[in-house]
Amino acid sequence: MHCGSDTRNPKFCNSSCAASYNNTIKPKRIKKYKICPTCGAEHTKRKFCSDTCNPNRLNMTMEEKYRYARARQNEAWQRYMAKKKNQTPIDANIPAIKEFYLNCPIGYEVDHIHPLSKGGLHTLENLQYLTIHENRKKSNKIL
């Protein structure tokens, strides 16, 4: 009990008592500082103070990081859709397909020659690079 009076509520006797308690200034949490294993700087992040100190991070420009993340998302989405339709064979080389998506040139997109929506398989042999315009024009047609 905060105010000292005897009531049924174990914390506050009334709303006024609760409001006065909630409006008091509470001490801020003390941040726990850690030391970066790479550079030795103090920080409050998980393990490393920045991306440059993290050896697991790729040293890329912001544009390269964006393209890399976009390629990974695109490949993961296509793999999900193919798995949903049971169109990824058991013997498909998933790491090679991921690499194919990651190596897509600027201005191009990865296209399924025989579209997944028309029964094509999510295999390396069924993938090709097309310019963005050609890929959107082709849509899910079989040429």
N, C-alpha and C. Protein backbone atom coordinates (compact mmCIF):
# COMPACT_ATOMS: atom_id res chain seq x y z
N MET A 1 0.85 -1.17 0.00
CA MET A 1 0.00 0.00 0.00
C MET A 1 0.90 1.23 0.00
N HIS A 2 0.59 2.15 -0.90
CA HIS A 2 1.45 3.33 -1.06
C HIS A 2 1.08 4.49 -0.14
N CYS A 3 -0.22 4.65 0.11
CA CYS A 3 -0.60 5.81 0.92
C CYS A 3 -0.75 5.46 2.40
N GLY A 4 -0.81 4.18 2.74
CA GLY A 4 -0.87 3.78 4.13
C GLY A 4 -2.27 3.50 4.64
N SER A 5 -3.32 3.80 3.89
CA SER A 5 -4.68 3.54 4.37
C SER A 5 -5.06 2.08 4.09
N ASP A 6 -6.04 1.59 4.83
CA ASP A 6 -6.43 0.19 4.75
C ASP A 6 -7.65 0.04 3.82
N THR A 7 -7.47 -0.58 2.65
CA THR A 7 -8.56 -0.80 1.70
C THR A 7 -8.45 -2.20 1.13
N ARG A 8 -9.43 -2.57 0.29
CA ARG A 8 -9.40 -3.89 -0.35
C ARG A 8 -8.31 -3.97 -1.42
N ASN A 9 -8.09 -2.87 -2.13
CA ASN A 9 -7.06 -2.84 -3.18
C ASN A 9 -5.69 -2.92 -2.52
N PRO A 10 -4.88 -3.91 -2.90
CA PRO A 10 -3.58 -4.05 -2.23
C PRO A 10 -2.58 -2.95 -2.55
N LYS A 11 -2.79 -2.17 -3.63
CA LYS A 11 -1.82 -1.14 -4.00
C LYS A 11 -2.28 0.27 -3.66
N PHE A 12 -3.48 0.66 -4.12
CA PHE A 12 -3.93 2.05 -3.98
C PHE A 12 -5.32 2.09 -3.34
N CYS A 13 -5.57 3.12 -2.54
CA CYS A 13 -6.89 3.23 -1.90
C CYS A 13 -7.93 3.81 -2.84
N ASN A 14 -7.51 4.69 -3.78
CA ASN A 14 -8.45 5.25 -4.76
C ASN A 14 -7.68 5.72 -5.99
N SER A 15 -8.41 6.25 -6.98
CA SER A 15 -7.76 6.67 -8.21
C SER A 15 -6.84 7.87 -8.00
N SER A 16 -7.17 8.72 -7.03
CA SER A 16 -6.32 9.87 -6.75
C SER A 16 -4.95 9.42 -6.23
N CYS A 17 -4.99 8.41 -5.37
CA CYS A 17 -3.74 7.86 -4.83
C CYS A 17 -2.91 7.23 -5.94
N ALA A 18 -3.56 6.51 -6.85
CA ALA A 18 -2.86 5.88 -7.97
C ALA A 18 -2.25 6.92 -8.88
N ALA A 19 -3.00 8.01 -9.16
CA ALA A 19 -2.50 9.06 -10.04
C ALA A 19 -1.30 9.76 -9.43
N SER A 20 -1.35 10.02 -8.14
CA SER A 20 -0.22 10.71 -7.51
C SER A 20 1.04 9.83 -7.54
N TYR A 21 0.86 8.52 -7.42
CA TYR A 21 2.01 7.62 -7.49
C TYR A 21 2.56 7.57 -8.92
N ASN A 22 1.68 7.48 -9.92
CA ASN A 22 2.12 7.37 -11.32
C ASN A 22 2.75 8.65 -11.83
N ASN A 23 2.42 9.79 -11.23
CA ASN A 23 2.97 11.06 -11.69
C ASN A 23 4.29 11.43 -11.02
N THR A 24 4.76 10.61 -10.11
CA THR A 24 6.06 10.90 -9.50
C THR A 24 7.18 10.57 -10.47
N ILE A 25 8.29 11.21 -10.30
CA ILE A 25 9.43 10.98 -11.19
C ILE A 25 10.14 9.71 -10.75
N LYS A 26 10.24 8.80 -11.69
CA LYS A 26 10.89 7.53 -11.40
C LYS A 26 12.33 7.59 -11.91
N PRO A 27 13.23 6.92 -11.25
CA PRO A 27 14.63 6.93 -11.72
C PRO A 27 14.74 6.19 -13.05
N LYS A 28 15.59 6.71 -13.93
CA LYS A 28 15.80 6.09 -15.24
C LYS A 28 16.61 4.81 -15.06
N ARG A 29 16.38 3.90 -16.00
CA ARG A 29 17.16 2.67 -15.98
C ARG A 29 18.61 2.98 -16.31
N ILE A 30 19.46 2.31 -15.66
CA ILE A 30 20.89 2.49 -15.93
C ILE A 30 21.25 1.55 -17.07
N LYS A 31 21.81 2.13 -18.13
CA LYS A 31 22.19 1.33 -19.29
C LYS A 31 23.43 0.52 -18.97
N LYS A 32 23.39 -0.73 -19.41
CA LYS A 32 24.55 -1.58 -19.22
C LYS A 32 25.48 -1.41 -20.41
N TYR A 33 26.68 -1.01 -20.14
CA TYR A 33 27.66 -0.82 -21.20
C TYR A 33 28.46 -2.10 -21.41
N LYS A 34 28.70 -2.40 -22.67
CA LYS A 34 29.51 -3.55 -23.04
C LYS A 34 30.74 -3.05 -23.77
N ILE A 35 31.73 -3.90 -23.88
CA ILE A 35 32.95 -3.52 -24.59
C ILE A 35 32.99 -4.30 -25.90
N CYS A 36 33.22 -3.58 -26.99
CA CYS A 36 33.29 -4.19 -28.31
C CYS A 36 34.55 -5.06 -28.39
N PRO A 37 34.40 -6.34 -28.80
CA PRO A 37 35.58 -7.21 -28.87
C PRO A 37 36.56 -6.83 -29.97
N THR A 38 36.09 -6.06 -30.97
CA THR A 38 36.97 -5.68 -32.08
C THR A 38 37.80 -4.45 -31.76
N CYS A 39 37.11 -3.35 -31.35
CA CYS A 39 37.84 -2.09 -31.15
C CYS A 39 37.98 -1.69 -29.69
N GLY A 40 37.25 -2.34 -28.78
CA GLY A 40 37.38 -2.04 -27.36
C GLY A 40 36.55 -0.87 -26.89
N ALA A 41 35.68 -0.30 -27.73
CA ALA A 41 34.86 0.84 -27.35
C ALA A 41 33.67 0.37 -26.50
N GLU A 42 33.21 1.25 -25.59
CA GLU A 42 32.03 0.94 -24.80
C GLU A 42 30.79 1.27 -25.62
N HIS A 43 29.76 0.40 -25.51
CA HIS A 43 28.53 0.61 -26.26
C HIS A 43 27.40 -0.10 -25.54
N THR A 44 26.15 0.13 -26.01
CA THR A 44 24.97 -0.49 -25.40
C THR A 44 24.30 -1.48 -26.34
N LYS A 45 24.91 -1.76 -27.46
CA LYS A 45 24.32 -2.69 -28.42
C LYS A 45 24.60 -4.13 -28.01
N ARG A 46 24.18 -5.08 -28.84
CA ARG A 46 24.30 -6.49 -28.46
C ARG A 46 25.74 -6.94 -28.26
N LYS A 47 26.51 -7.00 -29.33
CA LYS A 47 27.86 -7.50 -29.19
C LYS A 47 28.91 -6.55 -29.75
N PHE A 48 28.70 -6.06 -30.98
CA PHE A 48 29.66 -5.17 -31.62
C PHE A 48 29.10 -3.75 -31.62
N CYS A 49 29.98 -2.76 -31.59
CA CYS A 49 29.53 -1.37 -31.52
C CYS A 49 28.96 -0.87 -32.85
N SER A 50 29.38 -1.44 -33.98
CA SER A 50 28.88 -1.02 -35.28
C SER A 50 29.05 -2.13 -36.29
N ASP A 51 28.50 -1.92 -37.48
CA ASP A 51 28.62 -2.91 -38.55
C ASP A 51 30.07 -3.07 -39.01
N THR A 52 30.85 -2.00 -38.91
CA THR A 52 32.24 -2.10 -39.37
C THR A 52 33.07 -2.98 -38.44
N CYS A 53 32.70 -3.06 -37.16
CA CYS A 53 33.42 -3.91 -36.21
C CYS A 53 32.96 -5.36 -36.27
N ASN A 54 31.80 -5.61 -36.83
CA ASN A 54 31.27 -6.97 -36.88
C ASN A 54 31.89 -7.73 -38.04
N PRO A 55 32.67 -8.78 -37.78
CA PRO A 55 33.31 -9.51 -38.88
C PRO A 55 32.32 -10.32 -39.69
N ASN A 56 31.12 -10.55 -39.16
CA ASN A 56 30.11 -11.32 -39.89
C ASN A 56 29.38 -10.49 -40.94
N ARG A 57 29.48 -9.18 -40.85
CA ARG A 57 28.82 -8.30 -41.80
C ARG A 57 29.65 -8.17 -43.07
N LEU A 58 28.96 -8.01 -44.18
CA LEU A 58 29.66 -7.83 -45.44
C LEU A 58 30.03 -6.36 -45.60
N ASN A 59 31.23 -6.10 -46.06
CA ASN A 59 31.66 -4.72 -46.28
C ASN A 59 31.16 -4.27 -47.65
N MET A 60 29.98 -3.68 -47.67
CA MET A 60 29.37 -3.25 -48.92
C MET A 60 28.86 -1.82 -48.77
N THR A 61 28.65 -1.19 -49.91
CA THR A 61 28.01 0.12 -49.89
C THR A 61 26.53 -0.07 -49.59
N MET A 62 25.83 1.03 -49.31
CA MET A 62 24.40 0.94 -49.01
C MET A 62 23.63 0.38 -50.20
N GLU A 63 24.01 0.76 -51.41
CA GLU A 63 23.33 0.26 -52.61
C GLU A 63 23.54 -1.25 -52.76
N GLU A 64 24.77 -1.70 -52.50
CA GLU A 64 25.05 -3.13 -52.60
C GLU A 64 24.29 -3.91 -51.53
N LYS A 65 24.20 -3.36 -50.32
CA LYS A 65 23.43 -4.02 -49.26
C LYS A 65 21.96 -4.11 -49.64
N TYR A 66 21.42 -3.04 -50.24
CA TYR A 66 20.03 -3.04 -50.67
C TYR A 66 19.80 -4.10 -51.74
N ARG A 67 20.68 -4.15 -52.75
CA ARG A 67 20.53 -5.14 -53.82
C ARG A 67 20.66 -6.56 -53.28
N TYR A 68 21.58 -6.76 -52.34
CA TYR A 68 21.79 -8.07 -51.74
C TYR A 68 20.53 -8.51 -50.97
N ALA A 69 19.99 -7.62 -50.16
CA ALA A 69 18.80 -7.94 -49.38
C ALA A 69 17.60 -8.18 -50.30
N ARG A 70 17.48 -7.37 -51.33
CA ARG A 70 16.37 -7.53 -52.28
C ARG A 70 16.46 -8.88 -53.01
N ALA A 71 17.66 -9.28 -53.41
CA ALA A 71 17.84 -10.56 -54.10
C ALA A 71 17.50 -11.72 -53.17
N ARG A 72 17.94 -11.62 -51.89
CA ARG A 72 17.62 -12.68 -50.93
C ARG A 72 16.12 -12.78 -50.70
N GLN A 73 15.44 -11.64 -50.58
CA GLN A 73 13.99 -11.66 -50.37
C GLN A 73 13.27 -12.24 -51.57
N ASN A 74 13.70 -11.84 -52.76
CA ASN A 74 13.07 -12.32 -53.99
C ASN A 74 13.24 -13.83 -54.12
N GLU A 75 14.44 -14.31 -53.85
CA GLU A 75 14.70 -15.75 -53.96
C GLU A 75 13.90 -16.52 -52.92
N ALA A 76 13.84 -15.99 -51.71
CA ALA A 76 13.09 -16.67 -50.64
C ALA A 76 11.60 -16.72 -50.98
N TRP A 77 11.07 -15.66 -51.56
CA TRP A 77 9.67 -15.64 -51.94
C TRP A 77 9.39 -16.66 -53.04
N GLN A 78 10.24 -16.73 -54.05
CA GLN A 78 10.05 -17.69 -55.14
C GLN A 78 10.16 -19.12 -54.61
N ARG A 79 11.09 -19.36 -53.68
CA ARG A 79 11.25 -20.68 -53.11
C ARG A 79 10.01 -21.06 -52.30
N TYR A 80 9.46 -20.08 -51.56
CA TYR A 80 8.26 -20.31 -50.78
C TYR A 80 7.08 -20.67 -51.68
N MET A 81 6.91 -19.90 -52.76
CA MET A 81 5.79 -20.17 -53.68
C MET A 81 5.95 -21.52 -54.36
N ALA A 82 7.18 -21.87 -54.73
CA ALA A 82 7.42 -23.16 -55.38
C ALA A 82 7.18 -24.31 -54.39
N LYS A 83 7.59 -24.11 -53.14
CA LYS A 83 7.38 -25.14 -52.13
C LYS A 83 5.89 -25.32 -51.86
N LYS A 84 5.18 -24.21 -51.84
CA LYS A 84 3.73 -24.23 -51.60
C LYS A 84 3.03 -25.05 -52.68
N LYS A 85 3.52 -24.97 -53.89
CA LYS A 85 2.91 -25.69 -55.01
C LYS A 85 3.64 -27.01 -55.30
N ASN A 86 4.55 -27.42 -54.41
CA ASN A 86 5.35 -28.64 -54.60
C ASN A 86 6.11 -28.62 -55.93
N GLN A 87 6.73 -27.49 -56.25
CA GLN A 87 7.44 -27.35 -57.52
C GLN A 87 8.95 -27.26 -57.35
N THR A 88 9.45 -27.49 -56.16
CA THR A 88 10.88 -27.56 -55.97
C THR A 88 11.25 -29.03 -55.80
N PRO A 89 11.96 -29.61 -56.77
CA PRO A 89 12.33 -31.03 -56.65
C PRO A 89 13.26 -31.27 -55.46
N ILE A 90 13.30 -32.48 -55.00
CA ILE A 90 14.14 -32.84 -53.85
C ILE A 90 15.62 -32.65 -54.19
N ASP A 91 15.99 -32.94 -55.44
CA ASP A 91 17.40 -32.84 -55.83
C ASP A 91 17.80 -31.45 -56.32
N ALA A 92 16.94 -30.43 -56.14
CA ALA A 92 17.26 -29.07 -56.59
C ALA A 92 18.43 -28.53 -55.76
N ASN A 93 19.32 -27.83 -56.42
CA ASN A 93 20.50 -27.26 -55.77
C ASN A 93 20.14 -25.86 -55.25
N ILE A 94 19.62 -25.80 -54.03
CA ILE A 94 19.15 -24.54 -53.45
C ILE A 94 20.28 -23.51 -53.32
N PRO A 95 21.48 -23.87 -52.85
CA PRO A 95 22.55 -22.86 -52.77
C PRO A 95 22.91 -22.28 -54.14
N ALA A 96 22.87 -23.09 -55.21
CA ALA A 96 23.17 -22.58 -56.55
C ALA A 96 22.07 -21.63 -57.02
N ILE A 97 20.82 -21.92 -56.66
CA ILE A 97 19.71 -21.04 -57.04
C ILE A 97 19.85 -19.71 -56.30
N LYS A 98 20.21 -19.75 -55.01
CA LYS A 98 20.43 -18.52 -54.24
C LYS A 98 21.54 -17.69 -54.87
N GLU A 99 22.61 -18.35 -55.27
CA GLU A 99 23.74 -17.66 -55.90
C GLU A 99 23.32 -17.04 -57.22
N PHE A 100 22.46 -17.73 -57.99
CA PHE A 100 21.96 -17.20 -59.25
C PHE A 100 21.20 -15.89 -59.01
N TYR A 101 20.37 -15.86 -57.96
CA TYR A 101 19.62 -14.64 -57.63
C TYR A 101 20.58 -13.53 -57.18
N LEU A 102 21.58 -13.86 -56.38
CA LEU A 102 22.51 -12.85 -55.87
C LEU A 102 23.38 -12.25 -56.97
N ASN A 103 23.65 -13.01 -58.04
CA ASN A 103 24.50 -12.53 -59.12
C ASN A 103 23.73 -11.86 -60.25
N CYS A 104 22.47 -11.55 -60.02
CA CYS A 104 21.65 -10.91 -61.05
C CYS A 104 22.22 -9.52 -61.36
N PRO A 105 22.50 -9.22 -62.64
CA PRO A 105 23.07 -7.91 -62.99
C PRO A 105 22.09 -6.77 -62.74
N ILE A 106 22.63 -5.56 -62.62
CA ILE A 106 21.79 -4.38 -62.42
C ILE A 106 20.93 -4.16 -63.67
N GLY A 107 19.65 -3.89 -63.45
CA GLY A 107 18.73 -3.66 -64.55
C GLY A 107 18.06 -4.93 -65.05
N TYR A 108 18.38 -6.06 -64.44
CA TYR A 108 17.80 -7.34 -64.84
C TYR A 108 17.05 -7.95 -63.66
N GLU A 109 16.16 -8.89 -63.97
CA GLU A 109 15.45 -9.66 -62.96
C GLU A 109 15.55 -11.13 -63.31
N VAL A 110 15.41 -11.98 -62.30
CA VAL A 110 15.43 -13.42 -62.52
C VAL A 110 14.03 -13.83 -62.96
N ASP A 111 13.97 -14.62 -64.02
CA ASP A 111 12.70 -15.05 -64.59
C ASP A 111 12.67 -16.56 -64.69
N HIS A 112 11.51 -17.14 -64.45
CA HIS A 112 11.33 -18.57 -64.68
C HIS A 112 10.93 -18.75 -66.14
N ILE A 113 11.69 -19.53 -66.89
CA ILE A 113 11.41 -19.76 -68.31
C ILE A 113 10.02 -20.36 -68.45
N HIS A 114 9.76 -21.41 -67.72
CA HIS A 114 8.42 -22.00 -67.65
C HIS A 114 7.84 -21.54 -66.31
N PRO A 115 6.88 -20.60 -66.27
CA PRO A 115 6.42 -19.97 -65.03
C PRO A 115 5.91 -20.97 -63.99
N LEU A 116 6.10 -20.63 -62.72
CA LEU A 116 5.60 -21.47 -61.64
C LEU A 116 4.08 -21.58 -61.70
N SER A 117 3.42 -20.50 -62.11
CA SER A 117 1.96 -20.52 -62.17
C SER A 117 1.45 -21.45 -63.26
N LYS A 118 2.30 -21.80 -64.21
CA LYS A 118 1.91 -22.71 -65.30
C LYS A 118 2.49 -24.11 -65.09
N GLY A 119 3.02 -24.39 -63.89
CA GLY A 119 3.52 -25.73 -63.60
C GLY A 119 5.02 -25.91 -63.74
N GLY A 120 5.76 -24.82 -63.96
CA GLY A 120 7.22 -24.91 -64.09
C GLY A 120 7.87 -25.23 -62.75
N LEU A 121 9.07 -25.76 -62.80
CA LEU A 121 9.79 -26.12 -61.58
C LEU A 121 10.75 -25.02 -61.17
N HIS A 122 11.03 -24.94 -59.88
CA HIS A 122 11.97 -23.97 -59.34
C HIS A 122 13.35 -24.62 -59.30
N THR A 123 13.97 -24.72 -60.48
CA THR A 123 15.29 -25.31 -60.61
C THR A 123 16.20 -24.33 -61.33
N LEU A 124 17.49 -24.57 -61.26
CA LEU A 124 18.47 -23.70 -61.90
C LEU A 124 18.30 -23.68 -63.42
N GLU A 125 17.91 -24.82 -63.99
CA GLU A 125 17.74 -24.93 -65.44
C GLU A 125 16.54 -24.12 -65.94
N ASN A 126 15.61 -23.78 -65.05
CA ASN A 126 14.40 -23.06 -65.43
C ASN A 126 14.52 -21.56 -65.16
N LEU A 127 15.70 -21.08 -64.80
CA LEU A 127 15.89 -19.66 -64.49
C LEU A 127 16.71 -18.97 -65.59
N GLN A 128 16.39 -17.70 -65.79
CA GLN A 128 17.15 -16.89 -66.75
C GLN A 128 17.09 -15.43 -66.29
N TYR A 129 18.01 -14.62 -66.82
CA TYR A 129 18.00 -13.19 -66.56
C TYR A 129 17.28 -12.49 -67.71
N LEU A 130 16.33 -11.63 -67.37
CA LEU A 130 15.66 -10.78 -68.36
C LEU A 130 15.71 -9.35 -67.85
N THR A 131 15.70 -8.39 -68.79
CA THR A 131 15.62 -7.00 -68.35
C THR A 131 14.28 -6.81 -67.66
N ILE A 132 14.20 -5.79 -66.83
CA ILE A 132 12.98 -5.55 -66.06
C ILE A 132 11.79 -5.38 -67.01
N HIS A 133 11.98 -4.61 -68.08
CA HIS A 133 10.90 -4.37 -69.04
C HIS A 133 10.44 -5.68 -69.70
N GLU A 134 11.40 -6.49 -70.16
CA GLU A 134 11.06 -7.76 -70.81
C GLU A 134 10.36 -8.71 -69.85
N ASN A 135 10.82 -8.75 -68.60
CA ASN A 135 10.23 -9.65 -67.60
C ASN A 135 8.78 -9.26 -67.30
N ARG A 136 8.53 -7.96 -67.16
CA ARG A 136 7.15 -7.50 -66.89
C ARG A 136 6.27 -7.73 -68.11
N LYS A 137 6.83 -7.59 -69.29
CA LYS A 137 6.08 -7.81 -70.54
C LYS A 137 5.74 -9.29 -70.71
N LYS A 138 6.70 -10.16 -70.35
CA LYS A 138 6.48 -11.60 -70.48
C LYS A 138 5.43 -12.09 -69.49
N SER A 139 5.45 -11.53 -68.27
CA SER A 139 4.52 -11.91 -67.22
C SER A 139 4.61 -13.41 -66.96
N ASN A 140 3.51 -14.17 -67.09
CA ASN A 140 3.56 -15.61 -66.85
C ASN A 140 3.31 -16.39 -68.14
N LYS A 141 3.73 -15.80 -69.26
CA LYS A 141 3.57 -16.47 -70.54
C LYS A 141 4.71 -17.45 -70.78
N ILE A 142 4.43 -18.48 -71.56
CA ILE A 142 5.45 -19.44 -71.95
C ILE A 142 5.84 -19.09 -73.38
N LEU A 143 7.11 -18.76 -73.60
CA LEU A 143 7.55 -18.35 -74.93
C LEU A 143 8.29 -19.46 -75.63
